[in-house]
């Protein structure tokens, strides 16, 4: 998964999805706006090999908004946050789904591009 902020990360690897319960033979899946636990695969050496919370901001699988519009992006992307949900970077460098800031994990001012 690509990193969409300027925190120094380039590639993230999702380990788990927060708030997803267990069910036999079901894989835990996350969508736009979900908080996940991730590690940095490419980026600054001081950020690598540590488990950090992140929020998904783009996904290629189409989803339906409440107004009936189907939306999808060309790649998966997320931003690194702290355990409270505040962004680690100061800006988001690319497009973001409207659903990501509405969940309260990302400040809406930084999500506007």
PDB file of N, CA and C in Angstrom:
ATOM      1  N   UNK A   1       0.854  -1.167   0.000  1.00  0.00           N
ATOM      2  CA  UNK A   1       0.000   0.000   0.000  1.00  0.00           C
ATOM      3  C   UNK A   1       0.904   1.234   0.000  1.00  0.00           C
ATOM      4  N   UNK A   2       0.589   2.202  -0.824  1.00  0.00           N
ATOM      5  CA  UNK A   2       1.368   3.434  -0.895  1.00  0.00           C
ATOM      6  C   UNK A   2       1.055   4.332   0.298  1.00  0.00           C
ATOM      7  N   UNK A   3       2.000   5.199   0.625  1.00  0.00           N
ATOM      8  CA  UNK A   3       1.790   6.171   1.694  1.00  0.00           C
ATOM      9  C   UNK A   3       1.447   7.509   1.051  1.00  0.00           C
ATOM     10  N   UNK A   4       0.336   8.131   1.479  1.00  0.00           N
ATOM     11  CA  UNK A   4      -0.167   9.331   0.815  1.00  0.00           C
ATOM     12  C   UNK A   4       0.168  10.616   1.559  1.00  0.00           C
ATOM     13  N   UNK A   5       1.073  10.569   2.545  1.00  0.00           N
ATOM     14  CA  UNK A   5       1.418  11.799   3.259  1.00  0.00           C
ATOM     15  C   UNK A   5       2.925  12.043   3.177  1.00  0.00           C
ATOM     16  N   UNK A   6       3.381  13.109   3.817  1.00  0.00           N
ATOM     17  CA  UNK A   6       4.789  13.488   3.735  1.00  0.00           C
ATOM     18  C   UNK A   6       5.562  13.112   5.002  1.00  0.00           C
ATOM     19  N   UNK A   7       5.212  11.994   5.621  1.00  0.00           N
ATOM     20  CA  UNK A   7       5.874  11.579   6.861  1.00  0.00           C
ATOM     21  C   UNK A   7       7.217  10.889   6.619  1.00  0.00           C
ATOM     22  N   UNK A   8       7.557  10.591   5.382  1.00  0.00           N
ATOM     23  CA  UNK A   8       8.821   9.944   5.067  1.00  0.00           C
ATOM     24  C   UNK A   8       8.677   8.484   4.684  1.00  0.00           C
ATOM     25  N   UNK A   9       7.459   7.975   4.690  1.00  0.00           N
ATOM     26  CA  UNK A   9       7.200   6.592   4.296  1.00  0.00           C
ATOM     27  C   UNK A   9       6.847   6.561   2.815  1.00  0.00           C
ATOM     28  N   UNK A  10       7.138   5.425   2.169  1.00  0.00           N
ATOM     29  CA  UNK A  10       6.726   5.263   0.780  1.00  0.00           C
ATOM     30  C   UNK A  10       5.828   4.058   0.585  1.00  0.00           C
ATOM     31  N   UNK A  11       6.075   2.987   1.339  1.00  0.00           N
ATOM     32  CA  UNK A  11       5.313   1.754   1.192  1.00  0.00           C
ATOM     33  C   UNK A  11       4.914   1.236   2.564  1.00  0.00           C
ATOM     34  N   UNK A  12       3.640   0.864   2.717  1.00  0.00           N
ATOM     35  CA  UNK A  12       3.133   0.327   3.978  1.00  0.00           C
ATOM     36  C   UNK A  12       2.657  -1.102   3.765  1.00  0.00           C
ATOM     37  N   UNK A  13       2.749  -1.915   4.814  1.00  0.00           N
ATOM     38  CA  UNK A  13       2.274  -3.292   4.783  1.00  0.00           C
ATOM     39  C   UNK A  13       1.257  -3.450   5.908  1.00  0.00           C
ATOM     40  N   UNK A  14       0.015  -3.787   5.569  1.00  0.00           N
ATOM     41  CA  UNK A  14      -1.049  -3.904   6.568  1.00  0.00           C
ATOM     42  C   UNK A  14      -0.915  -5.232   7.300  1.00  0.00           C
ATOM     43  N   UNK A  15      -0.960  -5.158   8.629  1.00  0.00           N
ATOM     44  CA  UNK A  15      -0.895  -6.348   9.468  1.00  0.00           C
ATOM     45  C   UNK A  15      -2.287  -6.749   9.926  1.00  0.00           C
ATOM     46  N   UNK A  16      -3.069  -5.778  10.407  1.00  0.00           N
ATOM     47  CA  UNK A  16      -4.412  -6.084  10.906  1.00  0.00           C
ATOM     48  C   UNK A  16      -5.306  -4.867  10.733  1.00  0.00           C
ATOM     49  N   UNK A  17      -6.613  -5.100  10.842  1.00  0.00           N
ATOM     50  CA  UNK A  17      -7.606  -4.033  10.740  1.00  0.00           C
ATOM     51  C   UNK A  17      -8.243  -3.863  12.107  1.00  0.00           C
ATOM     52  N   UNK A  18      -8.264  -2.638  12.620  1.00  0.00           N
ATOM     53  CA  UNK A  18      -8.839  -2.367  13.935  1.00  0.00           C
ATOM     54  C   UNK A  18     -10.352  -2.484  13.873  1.00  0.00           C
ATOM     55  N   UNK A  19     -10.931  -3.102  14.888  1.00  0.00           N
ATOM     56  CA  UNK A  19     -12.380  -3.173  15.005  1.00  0.00           C
ATOM     57  C   UNK A  19     -13.037  -4.257  14.182  1.00  0.00           C
ATOM     58  N   UNK A  20     -12.260  -5.124  13.555  1.00  0.00           N
ATOM     59  CA  UNK A  20     -12.827  -6.219  12.772  1.00  0.00           C
ATOM     60  C   UNK A  20     -12.797  -7.474  13.636  1.00  0.00           C
ATOM     61  N   UNK A  21     -13.968  -8.043  13.879  1.00  0.00           N
ATOM     62  CA  UNK A  21     -14.063  -9.241  14.698  1.00  0.00           C
ATOM     63  C   UNK A  21     -13.696 -10.486  13.915  1.00  0.00           C
ATOM     64  N   UNK A  22     -13.636 -11.582  14.613  1.00  0.00           N
ATOM     65  CA  UNK A  22     -13.257 -12.842  13.989  1.00  0.00           C
ATOM     66  C   UNK A  22     -14.495 -13.632  13.583  1.00  0.00           C
ATOM     67  N   UNK A  23     -14.392 -14.297  12.460  1.00  0.00           N
ATOM     68  CA  UNK A  23     -15.431 -15.195  11.980  1.00  0.00           C
ATOM     69  C   UNK A  23     -14.724 -16.303  11.226  1.00  0.00           C
ATOM     70  N   UNK A  24     -15.160 -17.530  11.430  1.00  0.00           N
ATOM     71  CA  UNK A  24     -14.512 -18.678  10.818  1.00  0.00           C
ATOM     72  C   UNK A  24     -14.460 -18.533   9.296  1.00  0.00           C
ATOM     73  N   UNK A  25     -13.280 -18.728   8.728  1.00  0.00           N
ATOM     74  CA  UNK A  25     -13.022 -18.700   7.284  1.00  0.00           C
ATOM     75  C   UNK A  25     -13.264 -17.337   6.638  1.00  0.00           C
ATOM     76  N   UNK A  26     -13.317 -16.266   7.399  1.00  0.00           N
ATOM     77  CA  UNK A  26     -13.473 -14.935   6.819  1.00  0.00           C
ATOM     78  C   UNK A  26     -12.190 -14.141   7.033  1.00  0.00           C
ATOM     79  N   UNK A  27     -11.685 -13.544   5.964  1.00  0.00           N
ATOM     80  CA  UNK A  27     -10.492 -12.720   6.067  1.00  0.00           C
ATOM     81  C   UNK A  27     -10.881 -11.318   6.517  1.00  0.00           C
ATOM     82  N   UNK A  28     -10.140 -10.724   7.439  1.00  0.00           N
ATOM     83  CA  UNK A  28     -10.459  -9.360   7.859  1.00  0.00           C
ATOM     84  C   UNK A  28     -10.157  -8.373   6.737  1.00  0.00           C
ATOM     85  N   UNK A  29     -11.123  -7.552   6.382  1.00  0.00           N
ATOM     86  CA  UNK A  29     -10.959  -6.602   5.284  1.00  0.00           C
ATOM     87  C   UNK A  29     -11.237  -5.193   5.785  1.00  0.00           C
ATOM     88  N   UNK A  30     -10.494  -4.231   5.274  1.00  0.00           N
ATOM     89  CA  UNK A  30     -10.688  -2.835   5.627  1.00  0.00           C
ATOM     90  C   UNK A  30     -10.974  -2.017   4.389  1.00  0.00           C
ATOM     91  N   UNK A  31     -11.656  -0.896   4.578  1.00  0.00           N
ATOM     92  CA  UNK A  31     -11.971  -0.005   3.475  1.00  0.00           C
ATOM     93  C   UNK A  31     -11.522   1.408   3.784  1.00  0.00           C
ATOM     94  N   UNK A  32     -11.951   2.352   2.968  1.00  0.00           N
ATOM     95  CA  UNK A  32     -11.573   3.752   3.140  1.00  0.00           C
ATOM     96  C   UNK A  32     -12.086   4.252   4.487  1.00  0.00           C
ATOM     97  N   UNK A  33     -11.194   4.853   5.260  1.00  0.00           N
ATOM     98  CA  UNK A  33     -11.546   5.390   6.564  1.00  0.00           C
ATOM     99  C   UNK A  33     -11.281   4.450   7.718  1.00  0.00           C
ATOM    100  N   UNK A  34     -10.906   3.203   7.444  1.00  0.00           N
ATOM    101  CA  UNK A  34     -10.639   2.241   8.515  1.00  0.00           C
ATOM    102  C   UNK A  34      -9.225   2.409   9.054  1.00  0.00           C
ATOM    103  N   UNK A  35      -9.086   2.239  10.376  1.00  0.00           N
ATOM    104  CA  UNK A  35      -7.769   2.276  10.987  1.00  0.00           C
ATOM    105  C   UNK A  35      -7.177   0.872  10.938  1.00  0.00           C
ATOM    106  N   UNK A  36      -5.913   0.797  10.557  1.00  0.00           N
ATOM    107  CA  UNK A  36      -5.209  -0.476  10.440  1.00  0.00           C
ATOM    108  C   UNK A  36      -3.881  -0.376  11.182  1.00  0.00           C
ATOM    109  N   UNK A  37      -3.290  -1.516  11.465  1.00  0.00           N
ATOM    110  CA  UNK A  37      -1.934  -1.557  11.995  1.00  0.00           C
ATOM    111  C   UNK A  37      -1.024  -1.929  10.826  1.00  0.00           C
ATOM    112  N   UNK A  38       0.048  -1.167  10.639  1.00  0.00           N
ATOM    113  CA  UNK A  38       0.903  -1.351   9.469  1.00  0.00           C
ATOM    114  C   UNK A  38       2.367  -1.170   9.840  1.00  0.00           C
ATOM    115  N   UNK A  39       3.230  -1.702   8.990  1.00  0.00           N
ATOM    116  CA  UNK A  39       4.663  -1.463   9.107  1.00  0.00           C
ATOM    117  C   UNK A  39       5.136  -0.773   7.834  1.00  0.00           C
ATOM    118  N   UNK A  40       6.253  -0.075   7.942  1.00  0.00           N
ATOM    119  CA  UNK A  40       6.823   0.634   6.800  1.00  0.00           C
ATOM    120  C   UNK A  40       7.802  -0.302   6.101  1.00  0.00           C
ATOM    121  N   UNK A  41       7.577  -0.557   4.812  1.00  0.00           N
ATOM    122  CA  UNK A  41       8.464  -1.416   4.030  1.00  0.00           C
ATOM    123  C   UNK A  41       9.530  -0.613   3.297  1.00  0.00           C
ATOM    124  N   UNK A  42       9.185   0.592   2.834  1.00  0.00           N
ATOM    125  CA  UNK A  42      10.149   1.475   2.190  1.00  0.00           C
ATOM    126  C   UNK A  42       9.969   2.854   2.789  1.00  0.00           C
ATOM    127  N   UNK A  43      11.063   3.492   3.130  1.00  0.00           N
ATOM    128  CA  UNK A  43      10.989   4.825   3.704  1.00  0.00           C
ATOM    129  C   UNK A  43      12.203   5.110   4.572  1.00  0.00           C
ATOM    130  N   UNK A  44      12.067   6.076   5.465  1.00  0.00           N
ATOM    131  CA  UNK A  44      13.159   6.455   6.353  1.00  0.00           C
ATOM    132  C   UNK A  44      13.527   5.284   7.269  1.00  0.00           C
ATOM    133  N   UNK A  45      14.821   5.095   7.520  1.00  0.00           N
ATOM    134  CA  UNK A  45      15.240   3.956   8.353  1.00  0.00           C
ATOM    135  C   UNK A  45      14.682   3.998   9.775  1.00  0.00           C
ATOM    136  N   UNK A  46      14.476   5.184  10.335  1.00  0.00           N
ATOM    137  CA  UNK A  46      13.961   5.266  11.706  1.00  0.00           C
ATOM    138  C   UNK A  46      12.478   4.909  11.801  1.00  0.00           C
ATOM    139  N   UNK A  47      11.769   4.888  10.674  1.00  0.00           N
ATOM    140  CA  UNK A  47      10.353   4.526  10.670  1.00  0.00           C
ATOM    141  C   UNK A  47      10.128   3.060  10.323  1.00  0.00           C
ATOM    142  N   UNK A  48      11.125   2.408   9.747  1.00  0.00           N
ATOM    143  CA  UNK A  48      10.964   1.025   9.303  1.00  0.00           C
ATOM    144  C   UNK A  48      10.979   0.050  10.473  1.00  0.00           C
ATOM    145  N   UNK A  49      10.371  -1.138  10.237  1.00  0.00           N
ATOM    146  CA  UNK A  49      10.376  -2.255  11.179  1.00  0.00           C
ATOM    147  C   UNK A  49       9.695  -1.929  12.504  1.00  0.00           C
ATOM    148  N   UNK A  50       8.726  -1.032  12.490  1.00  0.00           N
ATOM    149  CA  UNK A  50       7.933  -0.720  13.675  1.00  0.00           C
ATOM    150  C   UNK A  50       6.463  -0.815  13.304  1.00  0.00           C
ATOM    151  N   UNK A  51       5.662  -1.332  14.207  1.00  0.00           N
ATOM    152  CA  UNK A  51       4.223  -1.423  13.970  1.00  0.00           C
ATOM    153  C   UNK A  51       3.598  -0.085  14.350  1.00  0.00           C
ATOM    154  N   UNK A  52       2.863   0.520  13.403  1.00  0.00           N
ATOM    155  CA  UNK A  52       2.265   1.834  13.613  1.00  0.00           C
ATOM    156  C   UNK A  52       0.824   1.823  13.121  1.00  0.00           C
ATOM    157  N   UNK A  53      -0.045   2.632  13.729  1.00  0.00           N
ATOM    158  CA  UNK A  53      -1.407   2.746  13.195  1.00  0.00           C
ATOM    159  C   UNK A  53      -1.419   3.589  11.918  1.00  0.00           C
ATOM    160  N   UNK A  54      -2.331   3.266  11.027  1.00  0.00           N
ATOM    161  CA  UNK A  54      -2.503   4.003   9.771  1.00  0.00           C
ATOM    162  C   UNK A  54      -3.984   4.020   9.426  1.00  0.00           C
ATOM    163  N   UNK A  55      -4.367   4.920   8.529  1.00  0.00           N
ATOM    164  CA  UNK A  55      -5.749   5.015   8.059  1.00  0.00           C
ATOM    165  C   UNK A  55      -5.745   4.854   6.546  1.00  0.00           C
ATOM    166  N   UNK A  56      -6.640   4.025   6.030  1.00  0.00           N
ATOM    167  CA  UNK A  56      -6.758   3.807   4.587  1.00  0.00           C
ATOM    168  C   UNK A  56      -7.489   5.002   3.972  1.00  0.00           C
ATOM    169  N   UNK A  57      -6.920   5.594   2.910  1.00  0.00           N
ATOM    170  CA  UNK A  57      -7.545   6.746   2.257  1.00  0.00           C
ATOM    171  C   UNK A  57      -7.949   6.471   0.809  1.00  0.00           C
ATOM    172  N   UNK A  58      -7.418   5.407   0.184  1.00  0.00           N
ATOM    173  CA  UNK A  58      -7.810   5.037  -1.183  1.00  0.00           C
ATOM    174  C   UNK A  58      -7.855   3.529  -1.298  1.00  0.00           C
ATOM    175  N   UNK A  59      -8.770   3.038  -2.166  1.00  0.00           N
ATOM    176  CA  UNK A  59      -8.833   1.607  -2.468  1.00  0.00           C
ATOM    177  C   UNK A  59      -9.343   1.422  -3.883  1.00  0.00           C
ATOM    178  N   UNK A  60      -8.869   0.379  -4.599  1.00  0.00           N
ATOM    179  CA  UNK A  60      -9.332   0.166  -5.971  1.00  0.00           C
ATOM    180  C   UNK A  60     -10.694  -0.517  -6.067  1.00  0.00           C
ATOM    181  N   UNK A  61     -11.167  -1.134  -4.994  1.00  0.00           N
ATOM    182  CA  UNK A  61     -12.473  -1.796  -5.033  1.00  0.00           C
ATOM    183  C   UNK A  61     -13.578  -0.747  -4.961  1.00  0.00           C
ATOM    184  N   UNK A  62     -14.531  -0.765  -5.902  1.00  0.00           N
ATOM    185  CA  UNK A  62     -15.611   0.237  -5.871  1.00  0.00           C
ATOM    186  C   UNK A  62     -16.488   0.087  -4.630  1.00  0.00           C
ATOM    187  N   UNK A  63     -16.915   1.232  -4.086  1.00  0.00           N
ATOM    188  CA  UNK A  63     -17.878   1.223  -2.994  1.00  0.00           C
ATOM    189  C   UNK A  63     -18.925   2.285  -3.271  1.00  0.00           C
ATOM    190  N   UNK A  64     -20.088   2.123  -2.667  1.00  0.00           N
ATOM    191  CA  UNK A  64     -21.218   3.007  -2.935  1.00  0.00           C
ATOM    192  C   UNK A  64     -21.376   4.011  -1.801  1.00  0.00           C
ATOM    193  N   UNK A  65     -21.428   5.282  -2.170  1.00  0.00           N
ATOM    194  CA  UNK A  65     -21.692   6.325  -1.188  1.00  0.00           C
ATOM    195  C   UNK A  65     -23.188   6.396  -0.910  1.00  0.00           C
ATOM    196  N   UNK A  66     -23.556   7.129   0.130  1.00  0.00           N
ATOM    197  CA  UNK A  66     -24.970   7.210   0.499  1.00  0.00           C
ATOM    198  C   UNK A  66     -25.803   7.932  -0.554  1.00  0.00           C
ATOM    199  N   UNK A  67     -25.176   8.792  -1.375  1.00  0.00           N
ATOM    200  CA  UNK A  67     -25.920   9.488  -2.428  1.00  0.00           C
ATOM    201  C   UNK A  67     -26.051   8.648  -3.700  1.00  0.00           C
ATOM    202  N   UNK A  68     -25.556   7.407  -3.696  1.00  0.00           N
ATOM    203  CA  UNK A  68     -25.730   6.501  -4.820  1.00  0.00           C
ATOM    204  C   UNK A  68     -24.575   6.448  -5.798  1.00  0.00           C
ATOM    205  N   UNK A  69     -23.531   7.237  -5.589  1.00  0.00           N
ATOM    206  CA  UNK A  69     -22.393   7.279  -6.500  1.00  0.00           C
ATOM    207  C   UNK A  69     -21.416   6.157  -6.144  1.00  0.00           C
ATOM    208  N   UNK A  70     -20.950   5.435  -7.159  1.00  0.00           N
ATOM    209  CA  UNK A  70     -19.906   4.439  -6.955  1.00  0.00           C
ATOM    210  C   UNK A  70     -18.561   5.108  -7.179  1.00  0.00           C
ATOM    211  N   UNK A  71     -17.598   4.810  -6.318  1.00  0.00           N
ATOM    212  CA  UNK A  71     -16.305   5.474  -6.373  1.00  0.00           C
ATOM    213  C   UNK A  71     -15.197   4.446  -6.188  1.00  0.00           C
ATOM    214  N   UNK A  72     -14.090   4.627  -6.917  1.00  0.00           N
ATOM    215  CA  UNK A  72     -12.915   3.783  -6.724  1.00  0.00           C
ATOM    216  C   UNK A  72     -11.689   4.561  -7.175  1.00  0.00           C
ATOM    217  N   UNK A  73     -10.524   4.127  -6.700  1.00  0.00           N
ATOM    218  CA  UNK A  73      -9.252   4.741  -7.053  1.00  0.00           C
ATOM    219  C   UNK A  73      -8.389   3.708  -7.767  1.00  0.00           C
ATOM    220  N   UNK A  74      -7.240   4.131  -8.268  1.00  0.00           N
ATOM    221  CA  UNK A  74      -6.402   3.201  -9.016  1.00  0.00           C
ATOM    222  C   UNK A  74      -5.429   2.429  -8.135  1.00  0.00           C
ATOM    223  N   UNK A  75      -5.267   2.806  -6.862  1.00  0.00           N
ATOM    224  CA  UNK A  75      -4.339   2.088  -5.995  1.00  0.00           C
ATOM    225  C   UNK A  75      -4.816   2.122  -4.551  1.00  0.00           C
ATOM    226  N   UNK A  76      -4.145   1.348  -3.709  1.00  0.00           N
ATOM    227  CA  UNK A  76      -4.368   1.392  -2.270  1.00  0.00           C
ATOM    228  C   UNK A  76      -3.416   2.420  -1.679  1.00  0.00           C
ATOM    229  N   UNK A  77      -3.885   3.205  -0.723  1.00  0.00           N
ATOM    230  CA  UNK A  77      -3.015   4.175  -0.068  1.00  0.00           C
ATOM    231  C   UNK A  77      -3.512   4.431   1.340  1.00  0.00           C
ATOM    232  N   UNK A  78      -2.596   4.856   2.186  1.00  0.00           N
ATOM    233  CA  UNK A  78      -2.935   5.170   3.566  1.00  0.00           C
ATOM    234  C   UNK A  78      -2.015   6.244   4.106  1.00  0.00           C
ATOM    235  N   UNK A  79      -2.337   6.740   5.288  1.00  0.00           N
ATOM    236  CA  UNK A  79      -1.501   7.725   5.967  1.00  0.00           C
ATOM    237  C   UNK A  79      -1.200   7.208   7.371  1.00  0.00           C
ATOM    238  N   UNK A  80       0.000   7.512   7.851  1.00  0.00           N
ATOM    239  CA  UNK A  80       0.411   7.108   9.193  1.00  0.00           C
ATOM    240  C   UNK A  80      -0.193   8.088  10.198  1.00  0.00           C
ATOM    241  N   UNK A  81      -0.763   7.551  11.264  1.00  0.00           N
ATOM    242  CA  UNK A  81      -1.344   8.367  12.331  1.00  0.00           C
ATOM    243  C   UNK A  81      -0.753   7.911  13.661  1.00  0.00           C
ATOM    244  N   UNK A  82      -0.983   8.708  14.718  1.00  0.00           N
ATOM    245  CA  UNK A  82      -0.584   8.268  16.051  1.00  0.00           C
ATOM    246  C   UNK A  82      -1.745   7.497  16.674  1.00  0.00           C
ATOM    247  N   UNK A  83      -1.583   6.896  17.851  1.00  0.00           N
ATOM    248  CA  UNK A  83      -2.680   6.100  18.432  1.00  0.00           C
ATOM    249  C   UNK A  83      -3.974   6.882  18.671  1.00  0.00           C
ATOM    250  N   UNK A  84      -3.889   8.217  18.817  1.00  0.00           N
ATOM    251  CA  UNK A  84      -5.095   9.037  18.984  1.00  0.00           C
ATOM    252  C   UNK A  84      -5.796   9.301  17.664  1.00  0.00           C
ATOM    253  N   UNK A  85      -5.116   9.080  16.544  1.00  0.00           N
ATOM    254  CA  UNK A  85      -5.710   9.296  15.235  1.00  0.00           C
ATOM    255  C   UNK A  85      -5.258  10.569  14.556  1.00  0.00           C
ATOM    256  N   UNK A  86      -4.286  11.281  15.132  1.00  0.00           N
ATOM    257  CA  UNK A  86      -3.778  12.509  14.515  1.00  0.00           C
ATOM    258  C   UNK A  86      -2.664  12.143  13.538  1.00  0.00           C
ATOM    259  N   UNK A  87      -2.635  12.845  12.405  1.00  0.00           N
ATOM    260  CA  UNK A  87      -1.658  12.533  11.362  1.00  0.00           C
ATOM    261  C   UNK A  87      -0.230  12.781  11.817  1.00  0.00           C
ATOM    262  N   UNK A  88       0.673  11.901  11.369  1.00  0.00           N
ATOM    263  CA  UNK A  88       2.086  12.079  11.669  1.00  0.00           C
ATOM    264  C   UNK A  88       2.708  13.101  10.724  1.00  0.00           C
ATOM    265  N   UNK A  89       2.326  13.070   9.464  1.00  0.00           N
ATOM    266  CA  UNK A  89       2.801  14.042   8.491  1.00  0.00           C
ATOM    267  C   UNK A  89       1.987  15.325   8.573  1.00  0.00           C
ATOM    268  N   UNK A  90       2.448  16.351   7.873  1.00  0.00           N
ATOM    269  CA  UNK A  90       1.752  17.636   7.925  1.00  0.00           C
ATOM    270  C   UNK A  90       0.822  17.857   6.743  1.00  0.00           C
ATOM    271  N   UNK A  91       0.945  17.061   5.676  1.00  0.00           N
ATOM    272  CA  UNK A  91       0.110  17.248   4.490  1.00  0.00           C
ATOM    273  C   UNK A  91      -0.091  15.922   3.777  1.00  0.00           C
ATOM    274  N   UNK A  92      -1.212  15.835   3.065  1.00  0.00           N
ATOM    275  CA  UNK A  92      -1.485  14.676   2.220  1.00  0.00           C
ATOM    276  C   UNK A  92      -1.138  15.071   0.794  1.00  0.00           C
ATOM    277  N   UNK A  93      -0.344  14.229   0.118  1.00  0.00           N
ATOM    278  CA  UNK A  93       0.214  14.617  -1.173  1.00  0.00           C
ATOM    279  C   UNK A  93      -0.624  14.205  -2.370  1.00  0.00           C
ATOM    280  N   UNK A  94      -1.750  13.527  -2.159  1.00  0.00           N
ATOM    281  CA  UNK A  94      -2.553  13.086  -3.295  1.00  0.00           C
ATOM    282  C   UNK A  94      -4.024  13.035  -2.900  1.00  0.00           C
ATOM    283  N   UNK A  95      -4.844  12.483  -3.789  1.00  0.00           N
ATOM    284  CA  UNK A  95      -6.287  12.479  -3.566  1.00  0.00           C
ATOM    285  C   UNK A  95      -6.673  11.560  -2.412  1.00  0.00           C
ATOM    286  N   UNK A  96      -7.813  11.903  -1.799  1.00  0.00           N
ATOM    287  CA  UNK A  96      -8.316  11.181  -0.631  1.00  0.00           C
ATOM    288  C   UNK A  96      -9.816  11.039  -0.777  1.00  0.00           C
ATOM    289  N   UNK A  97     -10.356   9.883  -0.395  1.00  0.00           N
ATOM    290  CA  UNK A  97     -11.801   9.719  -0.382  1.00  0.00           C
ATOM    291  C   UNK A  97     -12.431  10.572   0.707  1.00  0.00           C
ATOM    292  N   UNK A  98     -13.633  11.116   0.442  1.00  0.00           N
ATOM    293  CA  UNK A  98     -14.326  11.953   1.420  1.00  0.00           C
ATOM    294  C   UNK A  98     -14.607  11.206   2.714  1.00  0.00           C
ATOM    295  N   UNK A  99     -14.689   9.885   2.643  1.00  0.00           N
ATOM    296  CA  UNK A  99     -15.036   9.089   3.808  1.00  0.00           C
ATOM    297  C   UNK A  99     -13.916   9.056   4.840  1.00  0.00           C
ATOM    298  N   UNK A 100     -12.682   9.206   4.419  1.00  0.00           N
ATOM    299  CA  UNK A 100     -11.556   9.115   5.349  1.00  0.00           C
ATOM    300  C   UNK A 100     -11.591  10.208   6.416  1.00  0.00           C
ATOM    301  N   UNK A 101     -11.728  11.491   6.072  1.00  0.00           N
ATOM    302  CA  UNK A 101     -11.776  12.495   7.138  1.00  0.00           C
ATOM    303  C   UNK A 101     -13.068  12.465   7.935  1.00  0.00           C
ATOM    304  N   UNK A 102     -14.151  11.945   7.375  1.00  0.00           N
ATOM    305  CA  UNK A 102     -15.422  11.973   8.091  1.00  0.00           C
ATOM    306  C   UNK A 102     -15.433  11.015   9.272  1.00  0.00           C
ATOM    307  N   UNK A 103     -14.529  10.043   9.289  1.00  0.00           N
ATOM    308  CA  UNK A 103     -14.458   9.123  10.419  1.00  0.00           C
ATOM    309  C   UNK A 103     -13.672   9.714  11.584  1.00  0.00           C
ATOM    310  N   UNK A 104     -13.071  10.884  11.405  1.00  0.00           N
ATOM    311  CA  UNK A 104     -12.393  11.543  12.505  1.00  0.00           C
ATOM    312  C   UNK A 104     -10.938  11.172  12.673  1.00  0.00           C
ATOM    313  N   UNK A 105     -10.385  10.315  11.815  1.00  0.00           N
ATOM    314  CA  UNK A 105      -8.993   9.930  11.966  1.00  0.00           C
ATOM    315  C   UNK A 105      -8.050  10.951  11.334  1.00  0.00           C
ATOM    316  N   UNK A 106      -8.506  11.632  10.296  1.00  0.00           N
ATOM    317  CA  UNK A 106      -7.656  12.581   9.586  1.00  0.00           C
ATOM    318  C   UNK A 106      -8.302  13.951   9.680  1.00  0.00           C
ATOM    319  N   UNK A 107      -7.488  14.962   9.897  1.00  0.00           N
ATOM    320  CA  UNK A 107      -8.033  16.316   9.935  1.00  0.00           C
ATOM    321  C   UNK A 107      -8.543  16.695   8.557  1.00  0.00           C
ATOM    322  N   UNK A 108      -9.789  17.178   8.428  1.00  0.00           N
ATOM    323  CA  UNK A 108     -10.318  17.517   7.103  1.00  0.00           C
ATOM    324  C   UNK A 108      -9.510  18.590   6.386  1.00  0.00           C
ATOM    325  N   UNK A 109      -8.860  19.493   7.115  1.00  0.00           N
ATOM    326  CA  UNK A 109      -8.096  20.556   6.469  1.00  0.00           C
ATOM    327  C   UNK A 109      -6.902  19.993   5.704  1.00  0.00           C
ATOM    328  N   UNK A 110      -6.280  18.944   6.211  1.00  0.00           N
ATOM    329  CA  UNK A 110      -5.138  18.363   5.505  1.00  0.00           C
ATOM    330  C   UNK A 110      -5.588  17.445   4.382  1.00  0.00           C
ATOM    331  N   UNK A 111      -6.831  16.979   4.430  1.00  0.00           N
ATOM    332  CA  UNK A 111      -7.324  16.066   3.401  1.00  0.00           C
ATOM    333  C   UNK A 111      -7.753  16.788   2.135  1.00  0.00           C
ATOM    334  N   UNK A 112      -8.021  18.075   2.208  1.00  0.00           N
ATOM    335  CA  UNK A 112      -8.434  18.828   1.026  1.00  0.00           C
ATOM    336  C   UNK A 112      -7.212  19.071   0.160  1.00  0.00           C
ATOM    337  N   UNK A 113      -7.294  18.661  -1.115  1.00  0.00           N
ATOM    338  CA  UNK A 113      -6.154  18.870  -2.010  1.00  0.00           C
ATOM    339  C   UNK A 113      -6.579  19.573  -3.269  1.00  0.00           C
TER     340      UNK A 113
END
